[in-house]
Amino acid sequence: MSELFNYNSTYAPYFKSFIKMKQDKGYNVLRTKWIFLEFDKFFASIGAKELYITRSLIEQWRNTRINDTQRTIYTKYSVWS
């Protein structure tokens, strides 16, 4: 299943590091992996090169999530933070 979670954006090393840290502490990280994959694809699609996340970038991502419920968006915002 790890081949599903192949991160390629500028943020890929940070996603991988965060997931490893959480796994090492015993957390279930499957949901986080899926959310990071979504973020990673978004960052790659817009050609993000900066290593910081701005409000504008989050709003741009949010505008792509037209079918997500408010609860789903909340969950994803929680992962952002």
PDB file of N, CA and C in Angstrom:
ATOM      1  N   MET A   1       0.818  -1.190   0.000  1.00  0.00           N
ATOM      2  CA  MET A   1       0.000   0.000   0.000  1.00  0.00           C
ATOM      3  C   MET A   1       0.866   1.259   0.000  1.00  0.00           C
ATOM      4  N   SER A   2       2.126   1.158   0.382  1.00  0.00           N
ATOM      5  CA  SER A   2       2.969   2.352   0.461  1.00  0.00           C
ATOM      6  C   SER A   2       3.178   2.990  -0.902  1.00  0.00           C
ATOM      7  N   GLU A   3       3.067   2.209  -1.999  1.00  0.00           N
ATOM      8  CA  GLU A   3       3.218   2.803  -3.323  1.00  0.00           C
ATOM      9  C   GLU A   3       2.085   3.782  -3.637  1.00  0.00           C
ATOM     10  N   LEU A   4       0.981   3.685  -2.918  1.00  0.00           N
ATOM     11  CA  LEU A   4      -0.106   4.651  -3.076  1.00  0.00           C
ATOM     12  C   LEU A   4       0.301   6.022  -2.553  1.00  0.00           C
ATOM     13  N   PHE A   5       1.161   6.047  -1.566  1.00  0.00           N
ATOM     14  CA  PHE A   5       1.527   7.283  -0.896  1.00  0.00           C
ATOM     15  C   PHE A   5       2.921   7.739  -1.334  1.00  0.00           C
ATOM     16  N   ASN A   6       3.018   8.031  -2.612  1.00  0.00           N
ATOM     17  CA  ASN A   6       4.271   8.490  -3.187  1.00  0.00           C
ATOM     18  C   ASN A   6       4.187  10.006  -3.346  1.00  0.00           C
ATOM     19  N   TYR A   7       4.744  10.730  -2.390  1.00  0.00           N
ATOM     20  CA  TYR A   7       4.688  12.183  -2.385  1.00  0.00           C
ATOM     21  C   TYR A   7       5.792  12.748  -3.268  1.00  0.00           C
ATOM     22  N   ASN A   8       5.461  13.756  -4.070  1.00  0.00           N
ATOM     23  CA  ASN A   8       6.417  14.283  -5.042  1.00  0.00           C
ATOM     24  C   ASN A   8       6.608  15.796  -4.991  1.00  0.00           C
ATOM     25  N   SER A   9       5.812  16.495  -4.235  1.00  0.00           N
ATOM     26  CA  SER A   9       5.910  17.952  -4.203  1.00  0.00           C
ATOM     27  C   SER A   9       7.108  18.395  -3.369  1.00  0.00           C
ATOM     28  N   THR A  10       7.300  19.688  -3.300  1.00  0.00           N
ATOM     29  CA  THR A  10       8.358  20.282  -2.480  1.00  0.00           C
ATOM     30  C   THR A  10       8.206  19.884  -1.013  1.00  0.00           C
ATOM     31  N   TYR A  11       6.985  19.618  -0.610  1.00  0.00           N
ATOM     32  CA  TYR A  11       6.694  19.282   0.786  1.00  0.00           C
ATOM     33  C   TYR A  11       6.864  17.797   1.106  1.00  0.00           C
ATOM     34  N   ALA A  12       7.175  16.980   0.119  1.00  0.00           N
ATOM     35  CA  ALA A  12       7.258  15.527   0.297  1.00  0.00           C
ATOM     36  C   ALA A  12       8.127  15.100   1.479  1.00  0.00           C
ATOM     37  N   PRO A  13       9.334  15.629   1.639  1.00  0.00           N
ATOM     38  CA  PRO A  13      10.148  15.170   2.775  1.00  0.00           C
ATOM     39  C   PRO A  13       9.513  15.494   4.130  1.00  0.00           C
ATOM     40  N   TYR A  14       8.759  16.574   4.187  1.00  0.00           N
ATOM     41  CA  TYR A  14       8.110  16.976   5.434  1.00  0.00           C
ATOM     42  C   TYR A  14       6.917  16.072   5.738  1.00  0.00           C
ATOM     43  N   PHE A  15       6.181  15.724   4.694  1.00  0.00           N
ATOM     44  CA  PHE A  15       5.069  14.784   4.876  1.00  0.00           C
ATOM     45  C   PHE A  15       5.597  13.451   5.390  1.00  0.00           C
ATOM     46  N   LYS A  16       6.630  12.949   4.750  1.00  0.00           N
ATOM     47  CA  LYS A  16       7.197  11.652   5.123  1.00  0.00           C
ATOM     48  C   LYS A  16       7.740  11.674   6.551  1.00  0.00           C
ATOM     49  N   SER A  17       8.427  12.728   6.891  1.00  0.00           N
ATOM     50  CA  SER A  17       9.000  12.855   8.231  1.00  0.00           C
ATOM     51  C   SER A  17       7.913  12.907   9.306  1.00  0.00           C
ATOM     52  N   PHE A  18       6.870  13.679   9.044  1.00  0.00           N
ATOM     53  CA  PHE A  18       5.770  13.798  10.004  1.00  0.00           C
ATOM     54  C   PHE A  18       5.074  12.451  10.200  1.00  0.00           C
ATOM     55  N   ILE A  19       4.825  11.753   9.099  1.00  0.00           N
ATOM     56  CA  ILE A  19       4.162  10.443   9.173  1.00  0.00           C
ATOM     57  C   ILE A  19       5.027   9.459   9.959  1.00  0.00           C
ATOM     58  N   LYS A  20       6.325   9.447   9.690  1.00  0.00           N
ATOM     59  CA  LYS A  20       7.215   8.544  10.422  1.00  0.00           C
ATOM     60  C   LYS A  20       7.199   8.843  11.912  1.00  0.00           C
ATOM     61  N   MET A  21       7.238  10.132  12.266  1.00  0.00           N
ATOM     62  CA  MET A  21       7.223  10.517  13.673  1.00  0.00           C
ATOM     63  C   MET A  21       5.942  10.014  14.346  1.00  0.00           C
ATOM     64  N   LYS A  22       4.804  10.214  13.698  1.00  0.00           N
ATOM     65  CA  LYS A  22       3.528   9.779  14.270  1.00  0.00           C
ATOM     66  C   LYS A  22       3.468   8.248  14.384  1.00  0.00           C
ATOM     67  N   GLN A  23       3.935   7.553  13.361  1.00  0.00           N
ATOM     68  CA  GLN A  23       3.945   6.083  13.401  1.00  0.00           C
ATOM     69  C   GLN A  23       4.827   5.585  14.536  1.00  0.00           C
ATOM     70  N   ASP A  24       5.984   6.202  14.702  1.00  0.00           N
ATOM     71  CA  ASP A  24       6.918   5.797  15.755  1.00  0.00           C
ATOM     72  C   ASP A  24       6.311   5.970  17.144  1.00  0.00           C
ATOM     73  N   LYS A  25       5.360   6.888  17.263  1.00  0.00           N
ATOM     74  CA  LYS A  25       4.682   7.123  18.543  1.00  0.00           C
ATOM     75  C   LYS A  25       3.431   6.259  18.695  1.00  0.00           C
ATOM     76  N   GLY A  26       3.149   5.441  17.678  1.00  0.00           N
ATOM     77  CA  GLY A  26       2.046   4.501  17.781  1.00  0.00           C
ATOM     78  C   GLY A  26       0.706   4.987  17.240  1.00  0.00           C
ATOM     79  N   TYR A  27       0.689   6.123  16.578  1.00  0.00           N
ATOM     80  CA  TYR A  27      -0.560   6.654  16.028  1.00  0.00           C
ATOM     81  C   TYR A  27      -0.943   5.944  14.737  1.00  0.00           C
ATOM     82  N   ASN A  28      -2.230   5.852  14.484  1.00  0.00           N
ATOM     83  CA  ASN A  28      -2.738   5.371  13.202  1.00  0.00           C
ATOM     84  C   ASN A  28      -2.697   6.553  12.237  1.00  0.00           C
ATOM     85  N   VAL A  29      -1.928   6.435  11.170  1.00  0.00           N
ATOM     86  CA  VAL A  29      -1.689   7.576  10.287  1.00  0.00           C
ATOM     87  C   VAL A  29      -2.313   7.425   8.901  1.00  0.00           C
ATOM     88  N   LEU A  30      -3.176   6.442   8.716  1.00  0.00           N
ATOM     89  CA  LEU A  30      -3.732   6.209   7.388  1.00  0.00           C
ATOM     90  C   LEU A  30      -4.492   7.430   6.867  1.00  0.00           C
ATOM     91  N   ARG A  31      -5.342   8.013   7.681  1.00  0.00           N
ATOM     92  CA  ARG A  31      -6.094   9.194   7.235  1.00  0.00           C
ATOM     93  C   ARG A  31      -5.149  10.342   6.887  1.00  0.00           C
ATOM     94  N   THR A  32      -4.136  10.534   7.712  1.00  0.00           N
ATOM     95  CA  THR A  32      -3.163  11.600   7.460  1.00  0.00           C
ATOM     96  C   THR A  32      -2.433  11.358   6.149  1.00  0.00           C
ATOM     97  N   LYS A  33      -2.083  10.104   5.866  1.00  0.00           N
ATOM     98  CA  LYS A  33      -1.418   9.790   4.603  1.00  0.00           C
ATOM     99  C   LYS A  33      -2.285  10.191   3.409  1.00  0.00           C
ATOM    100  N   TRP A  34      -3.574   9.883   3.477  1.00  0.00           N
ATOM    101  CA  TRP A  34      -4.486  10.236   2.375  1.00  0.00           C
ATOM    102  C   TRP A  34      -4.619  11.750   2.230  1.00  0.00           C
ATOM    103  N   ILE A  35      -4.730  12.433   3.340  1.00  0.00           N
ATOM    104  CA  ILE A  35      -4.863  13.896   3.292  1.00  0.00           C
ATOM    105  C   ILE A  35      -3.575  14.519   2.770  1.00  0.00           C
ATOM    106  N   PHE A  36      -2.438  14.031   3.222  1.00  0.00           N
ATOM    107  CA  PHE A  36      -1.163  14.536   2.710  1.00  0.00           C
ATOM    108  C   PHE A  36      -1.022  14.266   1.213  1.00  0.00           C
ATOM    109  N   LEU A  37      -1.525  13.120   0.753  1.00  0.00           N
ATOM    110  CA  LEU A  37      -1.469  12.813  -0.674  1.00  0.00           C
ATOM    111  C   LEU A  37      -2.290  13.835  -1.464  1.00  0.00           C
ATOM    112  N   GLU A  38      -3.439  14.191  -0.944  1.00  0.00           N
ATOM    113  CA  GLU A  38      -4.269  15.216  -1.586  1.00  0.00           C
ATOM    114  C   GLU A  38      -3.523  16.552  -1.626  1.00  0.00           C
ATOM    115  N   PHE A  39      -2.940  16.950  -0.497  1.00  0.00           N
ATOM    116  CA  PHE A  39      -2.180  18.198  -0.448  1.00  0.00           C
ATOM    117  C   PHE A  39      -0.998  18.144  -1.420  1.00  0.00           C
ATOM    118  N   ASP A  40      -0.300  17.012  -1.423  1.00  0.00           N
ATOM    119  CA  ASP A  40       0.866  16.853  -2.275  1.00  0.00           C
ATOM    120  C   ASP A  40       0.499  17.027  -3.745  1.00  0.00           C
ATOM    121  N   LYS A  41      -0.585  16.399  -4.161  1.00  0.00           N
ATOM    122  CA  LYS A  41      -1.030  16.523  -5.558  1.00  0.00           C
ATOM    123  C   LYS A  41      -1.407  17.966  -5.873  1.00  0.00           C
ATOM    124  N   PHE A  42      -2.037  18.638  -4.926  1.00  0.00           N
ATOM    125  CA  PHE A  42      -2.389  20.043  -5.126  1.00  0.00           C
ATOM    126  C   PHE A  42      -1.125  20.882  -5.299  1.00  0.00           C
ATOM    127  N   PHE A  43      -0.164  20.727  -4.388  1.00  0.00           N
ATOM    128  CA  PHE A  43       1.071  21.503  -4.467  1.00  0.00           C
ATOM    129  C   PHE A  43       1.805  21.239  -5.780  1.00  0.00           C
ATOM    130  N   ALA A  44       1.850  19.979  -6.197  1.00  0.00           N
ATOM    131  CA  ALA A  44       2.511  19.643  -7.457  1.00  0.00           C
ATOM    132  C   ALA A  44       1.772  20.269  -8.639  1.00  0.00           C
ATOM    133  N   SER A  45       0.452  20.267  -8.582  1.00  0.00           N
ATOM    134  CA  SER A  45      -0.329  20.795  -9.708  1.00  0.00           C
ATOM    135  C   SER A  45      -0.169  22.299  -9.888  1.00  0.00           C
ATOM    136  N   ILE A  46       0.089  23.019  -8.811  1.00  0.00           N
ATOM    137  CA  ILE A  46       0.266  24.467  -8.932  1.00  0.00           C
ATOM    138  C   ILE A  46       1.746  24.849  -9.015  1.00  0.00           C
ATOM    139  N   GLY A  47       2.615  23.865  -8.937  1.00  0.00           N
ATOM    140  CA  GLY A  47       4.051  24.122  -9.026  1.00  0.00           C
ATOM    141  C   GLY A  47       4.616  24.852  -7.818  1.00  0.00           C
ATOM    142  N   ALA A  48       4.080  24.556  -6.644  1.00  0.00           N
ATOM    143  CA  ALA A  48       4.533  25.221  -5.410  1.00  0.00           C
ATOM    144  C   ALA A  48       6.008  24.922  -5.159  1.00  0.00           C
ATOM    145  N   LYS A  49       6.776  25.967  -4.913  1.00  0.00           N
ATOM    146  CA  LYS A  49       8.213  25.818  -4.637  1.00  0.00           C
ATOM    147  C   LYS A  49       8.594  26.360  -3.263  1.00  0.00           C
ATOM    148  N   GLU A  50       7.799  27.260  -2.727  1.00  0.00           N
ATOM    149  CA  GLU A  50       8.079  27.855  -1.420  1.00  0.00           C
ATOM    150  C   GLU A  50       7.826  26.836  -0.312  1.00  0.00           C
ATOM    151  N   LEU A  51       8.571  26.928   0.758  1.00  0.00           N
ATOM    152  CA  LEU A  51       8.419  25.982   1.857  1.00  0.00           C
ATOM    153  C   LEU A  51       7.626  26.557   3.016  1.00  0.00           C
ATOM    154  N   TYR A  52       6.695  27.419   2.723  1.00  0.00           N
ATOM    155  CA  TYR A  52       5.785  27.898   3.755  1.00  0.00           C
ATOM    156  C   TYR A  52       4.382  27.958   3.170  1.00  0.00           C
ATOM    157  N   ILE A  53       3.423  27.820   4.032  1.00  0.00           N
ATOM    158  CA  ILE A  53       2.027  27.750   3.611  1.00  0.00           C
ATOM    159  C   ILE A  53       1.342  29.044   4.035  1.00  0.00           C
ATOM    160  N   THR A  54       0.790  29.733   3.066  1.00  0.00           N
ATOM    161  CA  THR A  54       0.117  31.002   3.334  1.00  0.00           C
ATOM    162  C   THR A  54      -1.394  30.808   3.360  1.00  0.00           C
ATOM    163  N   ARG A  55      -2.074  31.777   3.894  1.00  0.00           N
ATOM    164  CA  ARG A  55      -3.539  31.773   3.895  1.00  0.00           C
ATOM    165  C   ARG A  55      -4.061  31.686   2.459  1.00  0.00           C
ATOM    166  N   SER A  56      -3.429  32.422   1.574  1.00  0.00           N
ATOM    167  CA  SER A  56      -3.827  32.421   0.169  1.00  0.00           C
ATOM    168  C   SER A  56      -3.714  31.023  -0.436  1.00  0.00           C
ATOM    169  N   LEU A  57      -2.650  30.314  -0.108  1.00  0.00           N
ATOM    170  CA  LEU A  57      -2.455  28.956  -0.611  1.00  0.00           C
ATOM    171  C   LEU A  57      -3.532  28.020  -0.079  1.00  0.00           C
ATOM    172  N   ILE A  58      -3.856  28.147   1.193  1.00  0.00           N
ATOM    173  CA  ILE A  58      -4.913  27.324   1.785  1.00  0.00           C
ATOM    174  C   ILE A  58      -6.260  27.637   1.124  1.00  0.00           C
ATOM    175  N   GLU A  59      -6.532  28.905   0.905  1.00  0.00           N
ATOM    176  CA  GLU A  59      -7.790  29.284   0.251  1.00  0.00           C
ATOM    177  C   GLU A  59      -7.847  28.758  -1.178  1.00  0.00           C
ATOM    178  N   GLN A  60      -6.725  28.796  -1.861  1.00  0.00           N
ATOM    179  CA  GLN A  60      -6.662  28.256  -3.218  1.00  0.00           C
ATOM    180  C   GLN A  60      -6.959  26.754  -3.209  1.00  0.00           C
ATOM    181  N   TRP A  61      -6.368  26.030  -2.260  1.00  0.00           N
ATOM    182  CA  TRP A  61      -6.653  24.598  -2.129  1.00  0.00           C
ATOM    183  C   TRP A  61      -8.130  24.392  -1.802  1.00  0.00           C
ATOM    184  N   ARG A  62      -8.661  25.184  -0.856  1.00  0.00           N
ATOM    185  CA  ARG A  62     -10.053  25.041  -0.420  1.00  0.00           C
ATOM    186  C   ARG A  62     -11.026  25.195  -1.581  1.00  0.00           C
ATOM    187  N   ASN A  63     -10.717  26.087  -2.496  1.00  0.00           N
ATOM    188  CA  ASN A  63     -11.587  26.302  -3.652  1.00  0.00           C
ATOM    189  C   ASN A  63     -11.649  25.096  -4.580  1.00  0.00           C
ATOM    190  N   THR A  64     -10.720  24.169  -4.448  1.00  0.00           N
ATOM    191  CA  THR A  64     -10.744  22.954  -5.269  1.00  0.00           C
ATOM    192  C   THR A  64     -11.588  21.856  -4.621  1.00  0.00           C
ATOM    193  N   ARG A  65     -11.987  22.023  -3.373  1.00  0.00           N
ATOM    194  CA  ARG A  65     -12.667  20.968  -2.613  1.00  0.00           C
ATOM    195  C   ARG A  65     -14.176  21.195  -2.580  1.00  0.00           C
ATOM    196  N   ILE A  66     -14.793  21.298  -3.742  1.00  0.00           N
ATOM    197  CA  ILE A  66     -16.210  21.654  -3.833  1.00  0.00           C
ATOM    198  C   ILE A  66     -17.147  20.553  -3.345  1.00  0.00           C
ATOM    199  N   ASN A  67     -16.702  19.316  -3.324  1.00  0.00           N
ATOM    200  CA  ASN A  67     -17.573  18.216  -2.911  1.00  0.00           C
ATOM    201  C   ASN A  67     -17.346  17.746  -1.480  1.00  0.00           C
ATOM    202  N   ASP A  68     -16.395  18.355  -0.783  1.00  0.00           N
ATOM    203  CA  ASP A  68     -16.125  17.971   0.603  1.00  0.00           C
ATOM    204  C   ASP A  68     -17.161  18.604   1.543  1.00  0.00           C
ATOM    205  N   THR A  69     -17.585  17.836   2.534  1.00  0.00           N
ATOM    206  CA  THR A  69     -18.503  18.376   3.540  1.00  0.00           C
ATOM    207  C   THR A  69     -17.729  19.280   4.497  1.00  0.00           C
ATOM    208  N   GLN A  70     -18.457  20.053   5.291  1.00  0.00           N
ATOM    209  CA  GLN A  70     -17.808  20.928   6.273  1.00  0.00           C
ATOM    210  C   GLN A  70     -16.989  20.106   7.270  1.00  0.00           C
ATOM    211  N   ARG A  71     -17.495  18.950   7.655  1.00  0.00           N
ATOM    212  CA  ARG A  71     -16.762  18.090   8.592  1.00  0.00           C
ATOM    213  C   ARG A  71     -15.445  17.595   7.983  1.00  0.00           C
ATOM    214  N   THR A  72     -15.502  17.220   6.716  1.00  0.00           N
ATOM    215  CA  THR A  72     -14.291  16.768   6.029  1.00  0.00           C
ATOM    216  C   THR A  72     -13.277  17.898   5.930  1.00  0.00           C
ATOM    217  N   ILE A  73     -13.751  19.082   5.585  1.00  0.00           N
ATOM    218  CA  ILE A  73     -12.866  20.246   5.500  1.00  0.00           C
ATOM    219  C   ILE A  73     -12.235  20.534   6.863  1.00  0.00           C
ATOM    220  N   TYR A  74     -13.034  20.435   7.909  1.00  0.00           N
ATOM    221  CA  TYR A  74     -12.508  20.654   9.265  1.00  0.00           C
ATOM    222  C   TYR A  74     -11.381  19.669   9.571  1.00  0.00           C
ATOM    223  N   THR A  75     -11.593  18.409   9.221  1.00  0.00           N
ATOM    224  CA  THR A  75     -10.573  17.379   9.445  1.00  0.00           C
ATOM    225  C   THR A  75      -9.292  17.727   8.708  1.00  0.00           C
ATOM    226  N   LYS A  76      -9.430  18.166   7.469  1.00  0.00           N
ATOM    227  CA  LYS A  76      -8.261  18.503   6.674  1.00  0.00           C
ATOM    228  C   LYS A  76      -7.566  19.757   7.199  1.00  0.00           C
ATOM    229  N   TYR A  77      -8.351  20.735   7.640  1.00  0.00           N
ATOM    230  CA  TYR A  77      -7.751  21.914   8.268  1.00  0.00           C
ATOM    231  C   TYR A  77      -6.980  21.524   9.527  1.00  0.00           C
ATOM    232  N   SER A  78      -7.489  20.553  10.251  1.00  0.00           N
ATOM    233  CA  SER A  78      -6.794  20.085  11.460  1.00  0.00           C
ATOM    234  C   SER A  78      -5.441  19.492  11.100  1.00  0.00           C
ATOM    235  N   VAL A  79      -5.362  18.792   9.995  1.00  0.00           N
ATOM    236  CA  VAL A  79      -4.089  18.239   9.555  1.00  0.00           C
ATOM    237  C   VAL A  79      -3.148  19.377   9.132  1.00  0.00           C
ATOM    238  N   TRP A  80      -3.688  20.400   8.480  1.00  0.00           N
ATOM    239  CA  TRP A  80      -2.856  21.565   8.128  1.00  0.00           C
ATOM    240  C   TRP A  80      -2.171  22.101   9.381  1.00  0.00           C
ATOM    241  N   SER A  81      -2.967  22.257  10.432  1.00  0.00           N
ATOM    242  CA  SER A  81      -2.393  22.867  11.633  1.00  0.00           C
ATOM    243  C   SER A  81      -1.453  21.906  12.339  1.00  0.00           C
TER     244      SER A  81
END
